Amino acid sequence: MNLRNLDEGRASIYYWVVKSARGRGAATCGLRAVAAWALGELRIPRLELVVEPWNVASIVTAERCGFRREGLLRAWQPVGNERRDMFMYSRLPGDPQHPTQN
C-alpha cells in the first residue's frame, strides 16, 4: 500500500502474485484483508488501484473485492520504456466488500 497521498484522503493499493500461486484466490484474499484494514482501522477515506486493461485476472480480483471501475487513465503509468493506459478503480468505506460471488 502506498500512503503518499494520505494527506489528501486516499491511498493506493498494489498487488502481485507469483506465477505458481496464481488462480488460487491469494490476491482476492489479500486484497480483501488489506482493504478492510485500511478502510476500517486506518479510516482511509478512499482506496485506489490501477490495472492494465488487458489484465483480466486483476480486473476480476479488484471487482470481487468491491472496487469499482471509474475510467481509463490514458498513458497513466510508465512501464519499462513506455507509458501505459490503466483502468482506475476505487473503494470507499460504504462500498460492499463482496459485491459479486464469482
PDB file of N, CA and C in Angstrom:
ATOM      1  N   MET A   1       0.858  -1.161   0.000  1.00  0.00           N
ATOM      2  CA  MET A   1       0.000   0.000   0.000  1.00  0.00           C
ATOM      3  C   MET A   1       0.905   1.224   0.000  1.00  0.00           C
ATOM      4  N   ASN A   2       0.481   2.225  -0.723  1.00  0.00           N
ATOM      5  CA  ASN A   2       1.204   3.481  -0.805  1.00  0.00           C
ATOM      6  C   ASN A   2       0.381   4.555  -0.104  1.00  0.00           C
ATOM      7  N   LEU A   3       0.951   5.166   0.922  1.00  0.00           N
ATOM      8  CA  LEU A   3       0.245   6.179   1.698  1.00  0.00           C
ATOM      9  C   LEU A   3       0.682   7.595   1.334  1.00  0.00           C
ATOM     10  N   ARG A   4       1.343   7.744   0.214  1.00  0.00           N
ATOM     11  CA  ARG A   4       1.896   9.026  -0.220  1.00  0.00           C
ATOM     12  C   ARG A   4       0.827  10.126  -0.277  1.00  0.00           C
ATOM     13  N   ASN A   5      -0.403   9.796  -0.635  1.00  0.00           N
ATOM     14  CA  ASN A   5      -1.474  10.790  -0.770  1.00  0.00           C
ATOM     15  C   ASN A   5      -2.456  10.767   0.395  1.00  0.00           C
ATOM     16  N   LEU A   6      -2.024  10.230   1.517  1.00  0.00           N
ATOM     17  CA  LEU A   6      -2.914  10.123   2.672  1.00  0.00           C
ATOM     18  C   LEU A   6      -3.399  11.488   3.153  1.00  0.00           C
ATOM     19  N   ASP A   7      -2.568  12.517   3.030  1.00  0.00           N
ATOM     20  CA  ASP A   7      -2.995  13.853   3.434  1.00  0.00           C
ATOM     21  C   ASP A   7      -4.134  14.383   2.559  1.00  0.00           C
ATOM     22  N   GLU A   8      -4.334  13.761   1.397  1.00  0.00           N
ATOM     23  CA  GLU A   8      -5.443  14.101   0.507  1.00  0.00           C
ATOM     24  C   GLU A   8      -6.612  13.127   0.664  1.00  0.00           C
ATOM     25  N   GLY A   9      -6.501  12.216   1.633  1.00  0.00           N
ATOM     26  CA  GLY A   9      -7.589  11.295   1.932  1.00  0.00           C
ATOM     27  C   GLY A   9      -7.647  10.056   1.068  1.00  0.00           C
ATOM     28  N   ARG A  10      -6.508   9.651   0.507  1.00  0.00           N
ATOM     29  CA  ARG A  10      -6.523   8.438  -0.309  1.00  0.00           C
ATOM     30  C   ARG A  10      -5.193   7.697  -0.202  1.00  0.00           C
ATOM     31  N   ALA A  11      -5.288   6.404  -0.483  1.00  0.00           N
ATOM     32  CA  ALA A  11      -4.110   5.533  -0.509  1.00  0.00           C
ATOM     33  C   ALA A  11      -4.236   4.622  -1.729  1.00  0.00           C
ATOM     34  N   SER A  12      -3.104   4.187  -2.233  1.00  0.00           N
ATOM     35  CA  SER A  12      -3.076   3.287  -3.390  1.00  0.00           C
ATOM     36  C   SER A  12      -2.672   1.894  -2.949  1.00  0.00           C
ATOM     37  N   ILE A  13      -3.317   0.908  -3.539  1.00  0.00           N
ATOM     38  CA  ILE A  13      -3.007  -0.490  -3.252  1.00  0.00           C
ATOM     39  C   ILE A  13      -2.440  -1.124  -4.515  1.00  0.00           C
ATOM     40  N   TYR A  14      -1.412  -1.924  -4.327  1.00  0.00           N
ATOM     41  CA  TYR A  14      -0.792  -2.684  -5.417  1.00  0.00           C
ATOM     42  C   TYR A  14      -0.705  -4.136  -4.982  1.00  0.00           C
ATOM     43  N   TYR A  15      -0.817  -5.033  -5.931  1.00  0.00           N
ATOM     44  CA  TYR A  15      -0.629  -6.442  -5.599  1.00  0.00           C
ATOM     45  C   TYR A  15      -0.051  -7.179  -6.787  1.00  0.00           C
ATOM     46  N   TRP A  16       0.651  -8.244  -6.480  1.00  0.00           N
ATOM     47  CA  TRP A  16       1.248  -9.107  -7.489  1.00  0.00           C
ATOM     48  C   TRP A  16       1.371 -10.480  -6.857  1.00  0.00           C
ATOM     49  N   VAL A  17       1.079 -11.510  -7.628  1.00  0.00           N
ATOM     50  CA  VAL A  17       1.144 -12.879  -7.126  1.00  0.00           C
ATOM     51  C   VAL A  17       2.109 -13.666  -7.997  1.00  0.00           C
ATOM     52  N   VAL A  18       3.008 -14.390  -7.366  1.00  0.00           N
ATOM     53  CA  VAL A  18       3.964 -15.218  -8.093  1.00  0.00           C
ATOM     54  C   VAL A  18       3.195 -16.203  -8.984  1.00  0.00           C
ATOM     55  N   LYS A  19       3.722 -16.459 -10.156  1.00  0.00           N
ATOM     56  CA  LYS A  19       3.013 -17.254 -11.165  1.00  0.00           C
ATOM     57  C   LYS A  19       2.526 -18.602 -10.641  1.00  0.00           C
ATOM     58  N   SER A  20       3.344 -19.284  -9.853  1.00  0.00           N
ATOM     59  CA  SER A  20       2.972 -20.618  -9.365  1.00  0.00           C
ATOM     60  C   SER A  20       1.793 -20.597  -8.391  1.00  0.00           C
ATOM     61  N   ALA A  21       1.451 -19.431  -7.847  1.00  0.00           N
ATOM     62  CA  ALA A  21       0.345 -19.331  -6.889  1.00  0.00           C
ATOM     63  C   ALA A  21      -0.903 -18.688  -7.486  1.00  0.00           C
ATOM     64  N   ARG A  22      -0.853 -18.303  -8.736  1.00  0.00           N
ATOM     65  CA  ARG A  22      -1.996 -17.624  -9.355  1.00  0.00           C
ATOM     66  C   ARG A  22      -3.176 -18.574  -9.538  1.00  0.00           C
ATOM     67  N   GLY A  23      -4.367 -18.008  -9.493  1.00  0.00           N
ATOM     68  CA  GLY A  23      -5.581 -18.798  -9.691  1.00  0.00           C
ATOM     69  C   GLY A  23      -6.051 -19.539  -8.460  1.00  0.00           C
ATOM     70  N   ARG A  24      -5.478 -19.244  -7.314  1.00  0.00           N
ATOM     71  CA  ARG A  24      -5.840 -19.934  -6.076  1.00  0.00           C
ATOM     72  C   ARG A  24      -6.523 -19.030  -5.063  1.00  0.00           C
ATOM     73  N   GLY A  25      -6.799 -17.790  -5.461  1.00  0.00           N
ATOM     74  CA  GLY A  25      -7.510 -16.874  -4.576  1.00  0.00           C
ATOM     75  C   GLY A  25      -6.628 -16.054  -3.654  1.00  0.00           C
ATOM     76  N   ALA A  26      -5.316 -16.146  -3.796  1.00  0.00           N
ATOM     77  CA  ALA A  26      -4.408 -15.412  -2.907  1.00  0.00           C
ATOM     78  C   ALA A  26      -4.584 -13.905  -3.049  1.00  0.00           C
ATOM     79  N   ALA A  27      -4.665 -13.409  -4.261  1.00  0.00           N
ATOM     80  CA  ALA A  27      -4.820 -11.961  -4.473  1.00  0.00           C
ATOM     81  C   ALA A  27      -6.144 -11.473  -3.908  1.00  0.00           C
ATOM     82  N   THR A  28      -7.214 -12.217  -4.130  1.00  0.00           N
ATOM     83  CA  THR A  28      -8.526 -11.831  -3.607  1.00  0.00           C
ATOM     84  C   THR A  28      -8.508 -11.797  -2.085  1.00  0.00           C
ATOM     85  N   CYS A  29      -7.973 -12.824  -1.472  1.00  0.00           N
ATOM     86  CA  CYS A  29      -7.906 -12.890  -0.006  1.00  0.00           C
ATOM     87  C   CYS A  29      -7.067 -11.745   0.550  1.00  0.00           C
ATOM     88  N   GLY A  30      -5.909 -11.515  -0.037  1.00  0.00           N
ATOM     89  CA  GLY A  30      -5.025 -10.450   0.432  1.00  0.00           C
ATOM     90  C   GLY A  30      -5.619  -9.071   0.235  1.00  0.00           C
ATOM     91  N   LEU A  31      -6.204  -8.829  -0.946  1.00  0.00           N
ATOM     92  CA  LEU A  31      -6.780  -7.520  -1.226  1.00  0.00           C
ATOM     93  C   LEU A  31      -7.963  -7.229  -0.308  1.00  0.00           C
ATOM     94  N   ARG A  32      -8.809  -8.226  -0.079  1.00  0.00           N
ATOM     95  CA  ARG A  32      -9.937  -8.028   0.842  1.00  0.00           C
ATOM     96  C   ARG A  32      -9.444  -7.671   2.243  1.00  0.00           C
ATOM     97  N   ALA A  33      -8.417  -8.375   2.708  1.00  0.00           N
ATOM     98  CA  ALA A  33      -7.895  -8.135   4.053  1.00  0.00           C
ATOM     99  C   ALA A  33      -7.287  -6.744   4.185  1.00  0.00           C
ATOM    100  N   VAL A  34      -6.458  -6.354   3.229  1.00  0.00           N
ATOM    101  CA  VAL A  34      -5.811  -5.048   3.291  1.00  0.00           C
ATOM    102  C   VAL A  34      -6.842  -3.929   3.155  1.00  0.00           C
ATOM    103  N   ALA A  35      -7.800  -4.090   2.256  1.00  0.00           N
ATOM    104  CA  ALA A  35      -8.829  -3.063   2.074  1.00  0.00           C
ATOM    105  C   ALA A  35      -9.672  -2.908   3.343  1.00  0.00           C
ATOM    106  N   ALA A  36     -10.068  -4.015   3.949  1.00  0.00           N
ATOM    107  CA  ALA A  36     -10.867  -3.950   5.182  1.00  0.00           C
ATOM    108  C   ALA A  36     -10.083  -3.245   6.290  1.00  0.00           C
ATOM    109  N   TRP A  37      -8.812  -3.554   6.427  1.00  0.00           N
ATOM    110  CA  TRP A  37      -7.952  -2.932   7.430  1.00  0.00           C
ATOM    111  C   TRP A  37      -7.797  -1.433   7.164  1.00  0.00           C
ATOM    112  N   ALA A  38      -7.525  -1.083   5.912  1.00  0.00           N
ATOM    113  CA  ALA A  38      -7.291   0.322   5.555  1.00  0.00           C
ATOM    114  C   ALA A  38      -8.554   1.168   5.723  1.00  0.00           C
ATOM    115  N   LEU A  39      -9.691   0.644   5.286  1.00  0.00           N
ATOM    116  CA  LEU A  39     -10.941   1.389   5.389  1.00  0.00           C
ATOM    117  C   LEU A  39     -11.490   1.389   6.814  1.00  0.00           C
ATOM    118  N   GLY A  40     -11.277   0.293   7.529  1.00  0.00           N
ATOM    119  CA  GLY A  40     -11.804   0.153   8.888  1.00  0.00           C
ATOM    120  C   GLY A  40     -10.898   0.751   9.944  1.00  0.00           C
ATOM    121  N   GLU A  41      -9.835   0.064  10.260  1.00  0.00           N
ATOM    122  CA  GLU A  41      -8.955   0.501  11.347  1.00  0.00           C
ATOM    123  C   GLU A  41      -8.212   1.796  11.034  1.00  0.00           C
ATOM    124  N   LEU A  42      -7.707   1.936   9.813  1.00  0.00           N
ATOM    125  CA  LEU A  42      -6.961   3.147   9.468  1.00  0.00           C
ATOM    126  C   LEU A  42      -7.865   4.308   9.062  1.00  0.00           C
ATOM    127  N   ARG A  43      -9.122   3.998   8.750  1.00  0.00           N
ATOM    128  CA  ARG A  43     -10.123   5.005   8.366  1.00  0.00           C
ATOM    129  C   ARG A  43      -9.673   5.862   7.176  1.00  0.00           C
ATOM    130  N   ILE A  44      -9.080   5.218   6.199  1.00  0.00           N
ATOM    131  CA  ILE A  44      -8.689   5.919   4.973  1.00  0.00           C
ATOM    132  C   ILE A  44      -9.953   6.138   4.148  1.00  0.00           C
ATOM    133  N   PRO A  45     -10.241   7.361   3.735  1.00  0.00           N
ATOM    134  CA  PRO A  45     -11.496   7.657   3.038  1.00  0.00           C
ATOM    135  C   PRO A  45     -11.619   7.069   1.634  1.00  0.00           C
ATOM    136  N   ARG A  46     -10.489   6.805   0.973  1.00  0.00           N
ATOM    137  CA  ARG A  46     -10.556   6.320  -0.407  1.00  0.00           C
ATOM    138  C   ARG A  46      -9.338   5.453  -0.695  1.00  0.00           C
ATOM    139  N   LEU A  47      -9.603   4.262  -1.222  1.00  0.00           N
ATOM    140  CA  LEU A  47      -8.535   3.387  -1.699  1.00  0.00           C
ATOM    141  C   LEU A  47      -8.585   3.352  -3.216  1.00  0.00           C
ATOM    142  N   GLU A  48      -7.428   3.375  -3.835  1.00  0.00           N
ATOM    143  CA  GLU A  48      -7.339   3.341  -5.288  1.00  0.00           C
ATOM    144  C   GLU A  48      -6.418   2.211  -5.717  1.00  0.00           C
ATOM    145  N   LEU A  49      -6.713   1.674  -6.888  1.00  0.00           N
ATOM    146  CA  LEU A  49      -5.768   0.778  -7.537  1.00  0.00           C
ATOM    147  C   LEU A  49      -5.925   0.938  -9.037  1.00  0.00           C
ATOM    148  N   VAL A  50      -4.852   0.701  -9.749  1.00  0.00           N
ATOM    149  CA  VAL A  50      -4.890   0.790 -11.206  1.00  0.00           C
ATOM    150  C   VAL A  50      -4.528  -0.571 -11.787  1.00  0.00           C
ATOM    151  N   VAL A  51      -5.159  -0.885 -12.924  1.00  0.00           N
ATOM    152  CA  VAL A  51      -4.979  -2.176 -13.583  1.00  0.00           C
ATOM    153  C   VAL A  51      -4.837  -1.930 -15.078  1.00  0.00           C
ATOM    154  N   GLU A  52      -3.876  -2.605 -15.694  1.00  0.00           N
ATOM    155  CA  GLU A  52      -3.766  -2.513 -17.146  1.00  0.00           C
ATOM    156  C   GLU A  52      -5.008  -3.152 -17.770  1.00  0.00           C
ATOM    157  N   PRO A  53      -5.562  -2.535 -18.819  1.00  0.00           N
ATOM    158  CA  PRO A  53      -6.815  -3.026 -19.413  1.00  0.00           C
ATOM    159  C   PRO A  53      -6.785  -4.476 -19.883  1.00  0.00           C
ATOM    160  N   TRP A  54      -5.646  -5.002 -20.227  1.00  0.00           N
ATOM    161  CA  TRP A  54      -5.546  -6.385 -20.703  1.00  0.00           C
ATOM    162  C   TRP A  54      -5.516  -7.398 -19.558  1.00  0.00           C
ATOM    163  N   ASN A  55      -5.316  -6.945 -18.315  1.00  0.00           N
ATOM    164  CA  ASN A  55      -5.098  -7.844 -17.178  1.00  0.00           C
ATOM    165  C   ASN A  55      -6.431  -8.288 -16.567  1.00  0.00           C
ATOM    166  N   VAL A  56      -7.069  -9.220 -17.235  1.00  0.00           N
ATOM    167  CA  VAL A  56      -8.403  -9.684 -16.837  1.00  0.00           C
ATOM    168  C   VAL A  56      -8.410 -10.255 -15.426  1.00  0.00           C
ATOM    169  N   ALA A  57      -7.382 -10.993 -15.043  1.00  0.00           N
ATOM    170  CA  ALA A  57      -7.342 -11.579 -13.703  1.00  0.00           C
ATOM    171  C   ALA A  57      -7.345 -10.496 -12.623  1.00  0.00           C
ATOM    172  N   SER A  58      -6.590  -9.431 -12.812  1.00  0.00           N
ATOM    173  CA  SER A  58      -6.565  -8.346 -11.825  1.00  0.00           C
ATOM    174  C   SER A  58      -7.863  -7.551 -11.826  1.00  0.00           C
ATOM    175  N   ILE A  59      -8.474  -7.418 -12.979  1.00  0.00           N
ATOM    176  CA  ILE A  59      -9.772  -6.743 -13.057  1.00  0.00           C
ATOM    177  C   ILE A  59     -10.806  -7.533 -12.256  1.00  0.00           C
ATOM    178  N   VAL A  60     -10.845  -8.835 -12.456  1.00  0.00           N
ATOM    179  CA  VAL A  60     -11.781  -9.695 -11.723  1.00  0.00           C
ATOM    180  C   VAL A  60     -11.505  -9.621 -10.224  1.00  0.00           C
ATOM    181  N   THR A  61     -10.236  -9.662  -9.842  1.00  0.00           N
ATOM    182  CA  THR A  61      -9.874  -9.583  -8.426  1.00  0.00           C
ATOM    183  C   THR A  61     -10.357  -8.276  -7.813  1.00  0.00           C
ATOM    184  N   ALA A  62     -10.077  -7.159  -8.466  1.00  0.00           N
ATOM    185  CA  ALA A  62     -10.489  -5.853  -7.948  1.00  0.00           C
ATOM    186  C   ALA A  62     -12.004  -5.786  -7.768  1.00  0.00           C
ATOM    187  N   GLU A  63     -12.736  -6.245  -8.778  1.00  0.00           N
ATOM    188  CA  GLU A  63     -14.202  -6.172  -8.715  1.00  0.00           C
ATOM    189  C   GLU A  63     -14.769  -7.126  -7.677  1.00  0.00           C
ATOM    190  N   ARG A  64     -14.174  -8.283  -7.495  1.00  0.00           N
ATOM    191  CA  ARG A  64     -14.626  -9.220  -6.450  1.00  0.00           C
ATOM    192  C   ARG A  64     -14.440  -8.638  -5.060  1.00  0.00           C
ATOM    193  N   CYS A  65     -13.472  -7.742  -4.927  1.00  0.00           N
ATOM    194  CA  CYS A  65     -13.160  -7.152  -3.625  1.00  0.00           C
ATOM    195  C   CYS A  65     -13.857  -5.820  -3.389  1.00  0.00           C
ATOM    196  N   GLY A  66     -14.816  -5.481  -4.233  1.00  0.00           N
ATOM    197  CA  GLY A  66     -15.618  -4.293  -4.020  1.00  0.00           C
ATOM    198  C   GLY A  66     -15.087  -3.023  -4.640  1.00  0.00           C
ATOM    199  N   PHE A  67     -14.027  -3.110  -5.416  1.00  0.00           N
ATOM    200  CA  PHE A  67     -13.506  -1.923  -6.092  1.00  0.00           C
ATOM    201  C   PHE A  67     -14.342  -1.671  -7.342  1.00  0.00           C
ATOM    202  N   ARG A  68     -14.611  -0.399  -7.610  1.00  0.00           N
ATOM    203  CA  ARG A  68     -15.430  -0.005  -8.760  1.00  0.00           C
ATOM    204  C   ARG A  68     -14.561   0.706  -9.789  1.00  0.00           C
ATOM    205  N   ARG A  69     -14.762   0.328 -11.039  1.00  0.00           N
ATOM    206  CA  ARG A  69     -14.021   0.974 -12.114  1.00  0.00           C
ATOM    207  C   ARG A  69     -14.554   2.382 -12.328  1.00  0.00           C
ATOM    208  N   GLU A  70     -13.631   3.336 -12.384  1.00  0.00           N
ATOM    209  CA  GLU A  70     -14.010   4.735 -12.581  1.00  0.00           C
ATOM    210  C   GLU A  70     -13.706   5.232 -13.982  1.00  0.00           C
ATOM    211  N   GLY A  71     -12.763   4.609 -14.652  1.00  0.00           N
ATOM    212  CA  GLY A  71     -12.459   5.061 -16.000  1.00  0.00           C
ATOM    213  C   GLY A  71     -11.064   4.665 -16.448  1.00  0.00           C
ATOM    214  N   LEU A  72     -10.759   5.044 -17.671  1.00  0.00           N
ATOM    215  CA  LEU A  72      -9.461   4.759 -18.277  1.00  0.00           C
ATOM    216  C   LEU A  72      -8.559   5.977 -18.138  1.00  0.00           C
ATOM    217  N   LEU A  73      -7.386   5.766 -17.590  1.00  0.00           N
ATOM    218  CA  LEU A  73      -6.371   6.810 -17.476  1.00  0.00           C
ATOM    219  C   LEU A  73      -5.362   6.582 -18.590  1.00  0.00           C
ATOM    220  N   ARG A  74      -5.407   7.415 -19.583  1.00  0.00           N
ATOM    221  CA  ARG A  74      -4.559   7.237 -20.763  1.00  0.00           C
ATOM    222  C   ARG A  74      -3.112   7.605 -20.450  1.00  0.00           C
ATOM    223  N   ALA A  75      -2.188   6.730 -20.875  1.00  0.00           N
ATOM    224  CA  ALA A  75      -0.744   6.926 -20.664  1.00  0.00           C
ATOM    225  C   ALA A  75      -0.443   7.285 -19.204  1.00  0.00           C
ATOM    226  N   TRP A  76      -1.079   6.609 -18.291  1.00  0.00           N
ATOM    227  CA  TRP A  76      -1.021   6.928 -16.864  1.00  0.00           C
ATOM    228  C   TRP A  76       0.305   6.576 -16.207  1.00  0.00           C
ATOM    229  N   GLN A  77       0.819   5.398 -16.521  1.00  0.00           N
ATOM    230  CA  GLN A  77       1.941   4.898 -15.739  1.00  0.00           C
ATOM    231  C   GLN A  77       3.058   4.386 -16.620  1.00  0.00           C
ATOM    232  N   PRO A  78       4.298   4.764 -16.299  1.00  0.00           N
ATOM    233  CA  PRO A  78       5.405   4.208 -17.069  1.00  0.00           C
ATOM    234  C   PRO A  78       5.651   2.745 -16.683  1.00  0.00           C
ATOM    235  N   VAL A  79       5.771   1.908 -17.699  1.00  0.00           N
ATOM    236  CA  VAL A  79       6.132   0.504 -17.518  1.00  0.00           C
ATOM    237  C   VAL A  79       7.247   0.245 -18.519  1.00  0.00           C
ATOM    238  N   GLY A  80       8.432   0.011 -18.004  1.00  0.00           N
ATOM    239  CA  GLY A  80       9.570  -0.122 -18.905  1.00  0.00           C
ATOM    240  C   GLY A  80       9.835   1.203 -19.597  1.00  0.00           C
ATOM    241  N   ASN A  81       9.912   1.163 -20.900  1.00  0.00           N
ATOM    242  CA  ASN A  81      10.211   2.359 -21.691  1.00  0.00           C
ATOM    243  C   ASN A  81       8.984   3.039 -22.288  1.00  0.00           C
ATOM    244  N   GLU A  82       7.799   2.637 -21.845  1.00  0.00           N
ATOM    245  CA  GLU A  82       6.597   3.255 -22.409  1.00  0.00           C
ATOM    246  C   GLU A  82       5.594   3.591 -21.321  1.00  0.00           C
ATOM    247  N   ARG A  83       4.708   4.498 -21.630  1.00  0.00           N
ATOM    248  CA  ARG A  83       3.622   4.835 -20.712  1.00  0.00           C
ATOM    249  C   ARG A  83       2.411   3.993 -21.096  1.00  0.00           C
ATOM    250  N   ARG A  84       1.757   3.433 -20.102  1.00  0.00           N
ATOM    251  CA  ARG A  84       0.639   2.527 -20.354  1.00  0.00           C
ATOM    252  C   ARG A  84      -0.670   3.087 -19.839  1.00  0.00           C
ATOM    253  N   ASP A  85      -1.737   2.754 -20.561  1.00  0.00           N
ATOM    254  CA  ASP A  85      -3.090   3.068 -20.110  1.00  0.00           C
ATOM    255  C   ASP A  85      -3.404   2.194 -18.897  1.00  0.00           C
ATOM    256  N   MET A  86      -4.235   2.713 -17.994  1.00  0.00           N
ATOM    257  CA  MET A  86      -4.654   1.969 -16.813  1.00  0.00           C
ATOM    258  C   MET A  86      -6.122   2.259 -16.529  1.00  0.00           C
ATOM    259  N   PHE A  87      -6.832   1.238 -16.063  1.00  0.00           N
ATOM    260  CA  PHE A  87      -8.155   1.446 -15.507  1.00  0.00           C
ATOM    261  C   PHE A  87      -7.970   1.886 -14.057  1.00  0.00           C
ATOM    262  N   MET A  88      -8.699   2.920 -13.644  1.00  0.00           N
ATOM    263  CA  MET A  88      -8.686   3.355 -12.251  1.00  0.00           C
ATOM    264  C   MET A  88      -9.862   2.707 -11.537  1.00  0.00           C
ATOM    265  N   TYR A  89      -9.576   2.097 -10.401  1.00  0.00           N
ATOM    266  CA  TYR A  89     -10.587   1.513  -9.524  1.00  0.00           C
ATOM    267  C   TYR A  89     -10.505   2.200  -8.172  1.00  0.00           C
ATOM    268  N   SER A  90     -11.637   2.280  -7.486  1.00  0.00           N
ATOM    269  CA  SER A  90     -11.627   2.821  -6.127  1.00  0.00           C
ATOM    270  C   SER A  90     -12.599   2.038  -5.249  1.00  0.00           C
ATOM    271  N   ARG A  91     -12.352   2.172  -3.965  1.00  0.00           N
ATOM    272  CA  ARG A  91     -13.273   1.618  -2.967  1.00  0.00           C
ATOM    273  C   ARG A  91     -13.375   2.611  -1.823  1.00  0.00           C
ATOM    274  N   LEU A  92     -14.604   2.862  -1.402  1.00  0.00           N
ATOM    275  CA  LEU A  92     -14.884   3.797  -0.320  1.00  0.00           C
ATOM    276  C   LEU A  92     -15.428   3.029   0.878  1.00  0.00           C
ATOM    277  N   PRO A  93     -15.391   3.617   2.056  1.00  0.00           N
ATOM    278  CA  PRO A  93     -15.840   2.896   3.247  1.00  0.00           C
ATOM    279  C   PRO A  93     -17.230   2.290   3.153  1.00  0.00           C
ATOM    280  N   GLY A  94     -18.173   2.915   2.473  1.00  0.00           N
ATOM    281  CA  GLY A  94     -19.537   2.396   2.387  1.00  0.00           C
ATOM    282  C   GLY A  94     -19.763   1.360   1.313  1.00  0.00           C
ATOM    283  N   ASP A  95     -18.771   1.110   0.486  1.00  0.00           N
ATOM    284  CA  ASP A  95     -18.913   0.130  -0.596  1.00  0.00           C
ATOM    285  C   ASP A  95     -18.926  -1.293  -0.028  1.00  0.00           C
ATOM    286  N   PRO A  96     -19.726  -2.192  -0.601  1.00  0.00           N
ATOM    287  CA  PRO A  96     -19.731  -3.575  -0.118  1.00  0.00           C
ATOM    288  C   PRO A  96     -18.412  -4.275  -0.390  1.00  0.00           C
ATOM    289  N   GLN A  97     -17.989  -5.103   0.561  1.00  0.00           N
ATOM    290  CA  GLN A  97     -16.729  -5.827   0.413  1.00  0.00           C
ATOM    291  C   GLN A  97     -16.846  -6.966  -0.595  1.00  0.00           C
ATOM    292  N   HIS A  98     -18.014  -7.585  -0.681  1.00  0.00           N
ATOM    293  CA  HIS A  98     -18.231  -8.743  -1.552  1.00  0.00           C
ATOM    294  C   HIS A  98     -19.393  -8.456  -2.498  1.00  0.00           C
ATOM    295  N   PRO A  99     -19.224  -7.579  -3.494  1.00  0.00           N
ATOM    296  CA  PRO A  99     -20.364  -7.233  -4.353  1.00  0.00           C
ATOM    297  C   PRO A  99     -20.781  -8.351  -5.299  1.00  0.00           C
ATOM    298  N   THR A 100     -19.864  -9.234  -5.646  1.00  0.00           N
ATOM    299  CA  THR A 100     -20.184 -10.364  -6.514  1.00  0.00           C
ATOM    300  C   THR A 100     -19.684 -11.637  -5.878  1.00  0.00           C
ATOM    301  N   GLN A 101     -20.220 -12.718  -6.268  1.00  0.00           N
ATOM    302  CA  GLN A 101     -19.804 -14.015  -5.722  1.00  0.00           C
ATOM    303  C   GLN A 101     -19.162 -14.874  -6.802  1.00  0.00           C
ATOM    304  N   ASN A 102     -18.372 -14.288  -7.699  1.00  0.00           N
ATOM    305  CA  ASN A 102     -17.707 -15.051  -8.767  1.00  0.00           C
ATOM    306  C   ASN A 102     -16.524 -15.805  -8.238  1.00  0.00           C
TER     307      ASN A 102
END
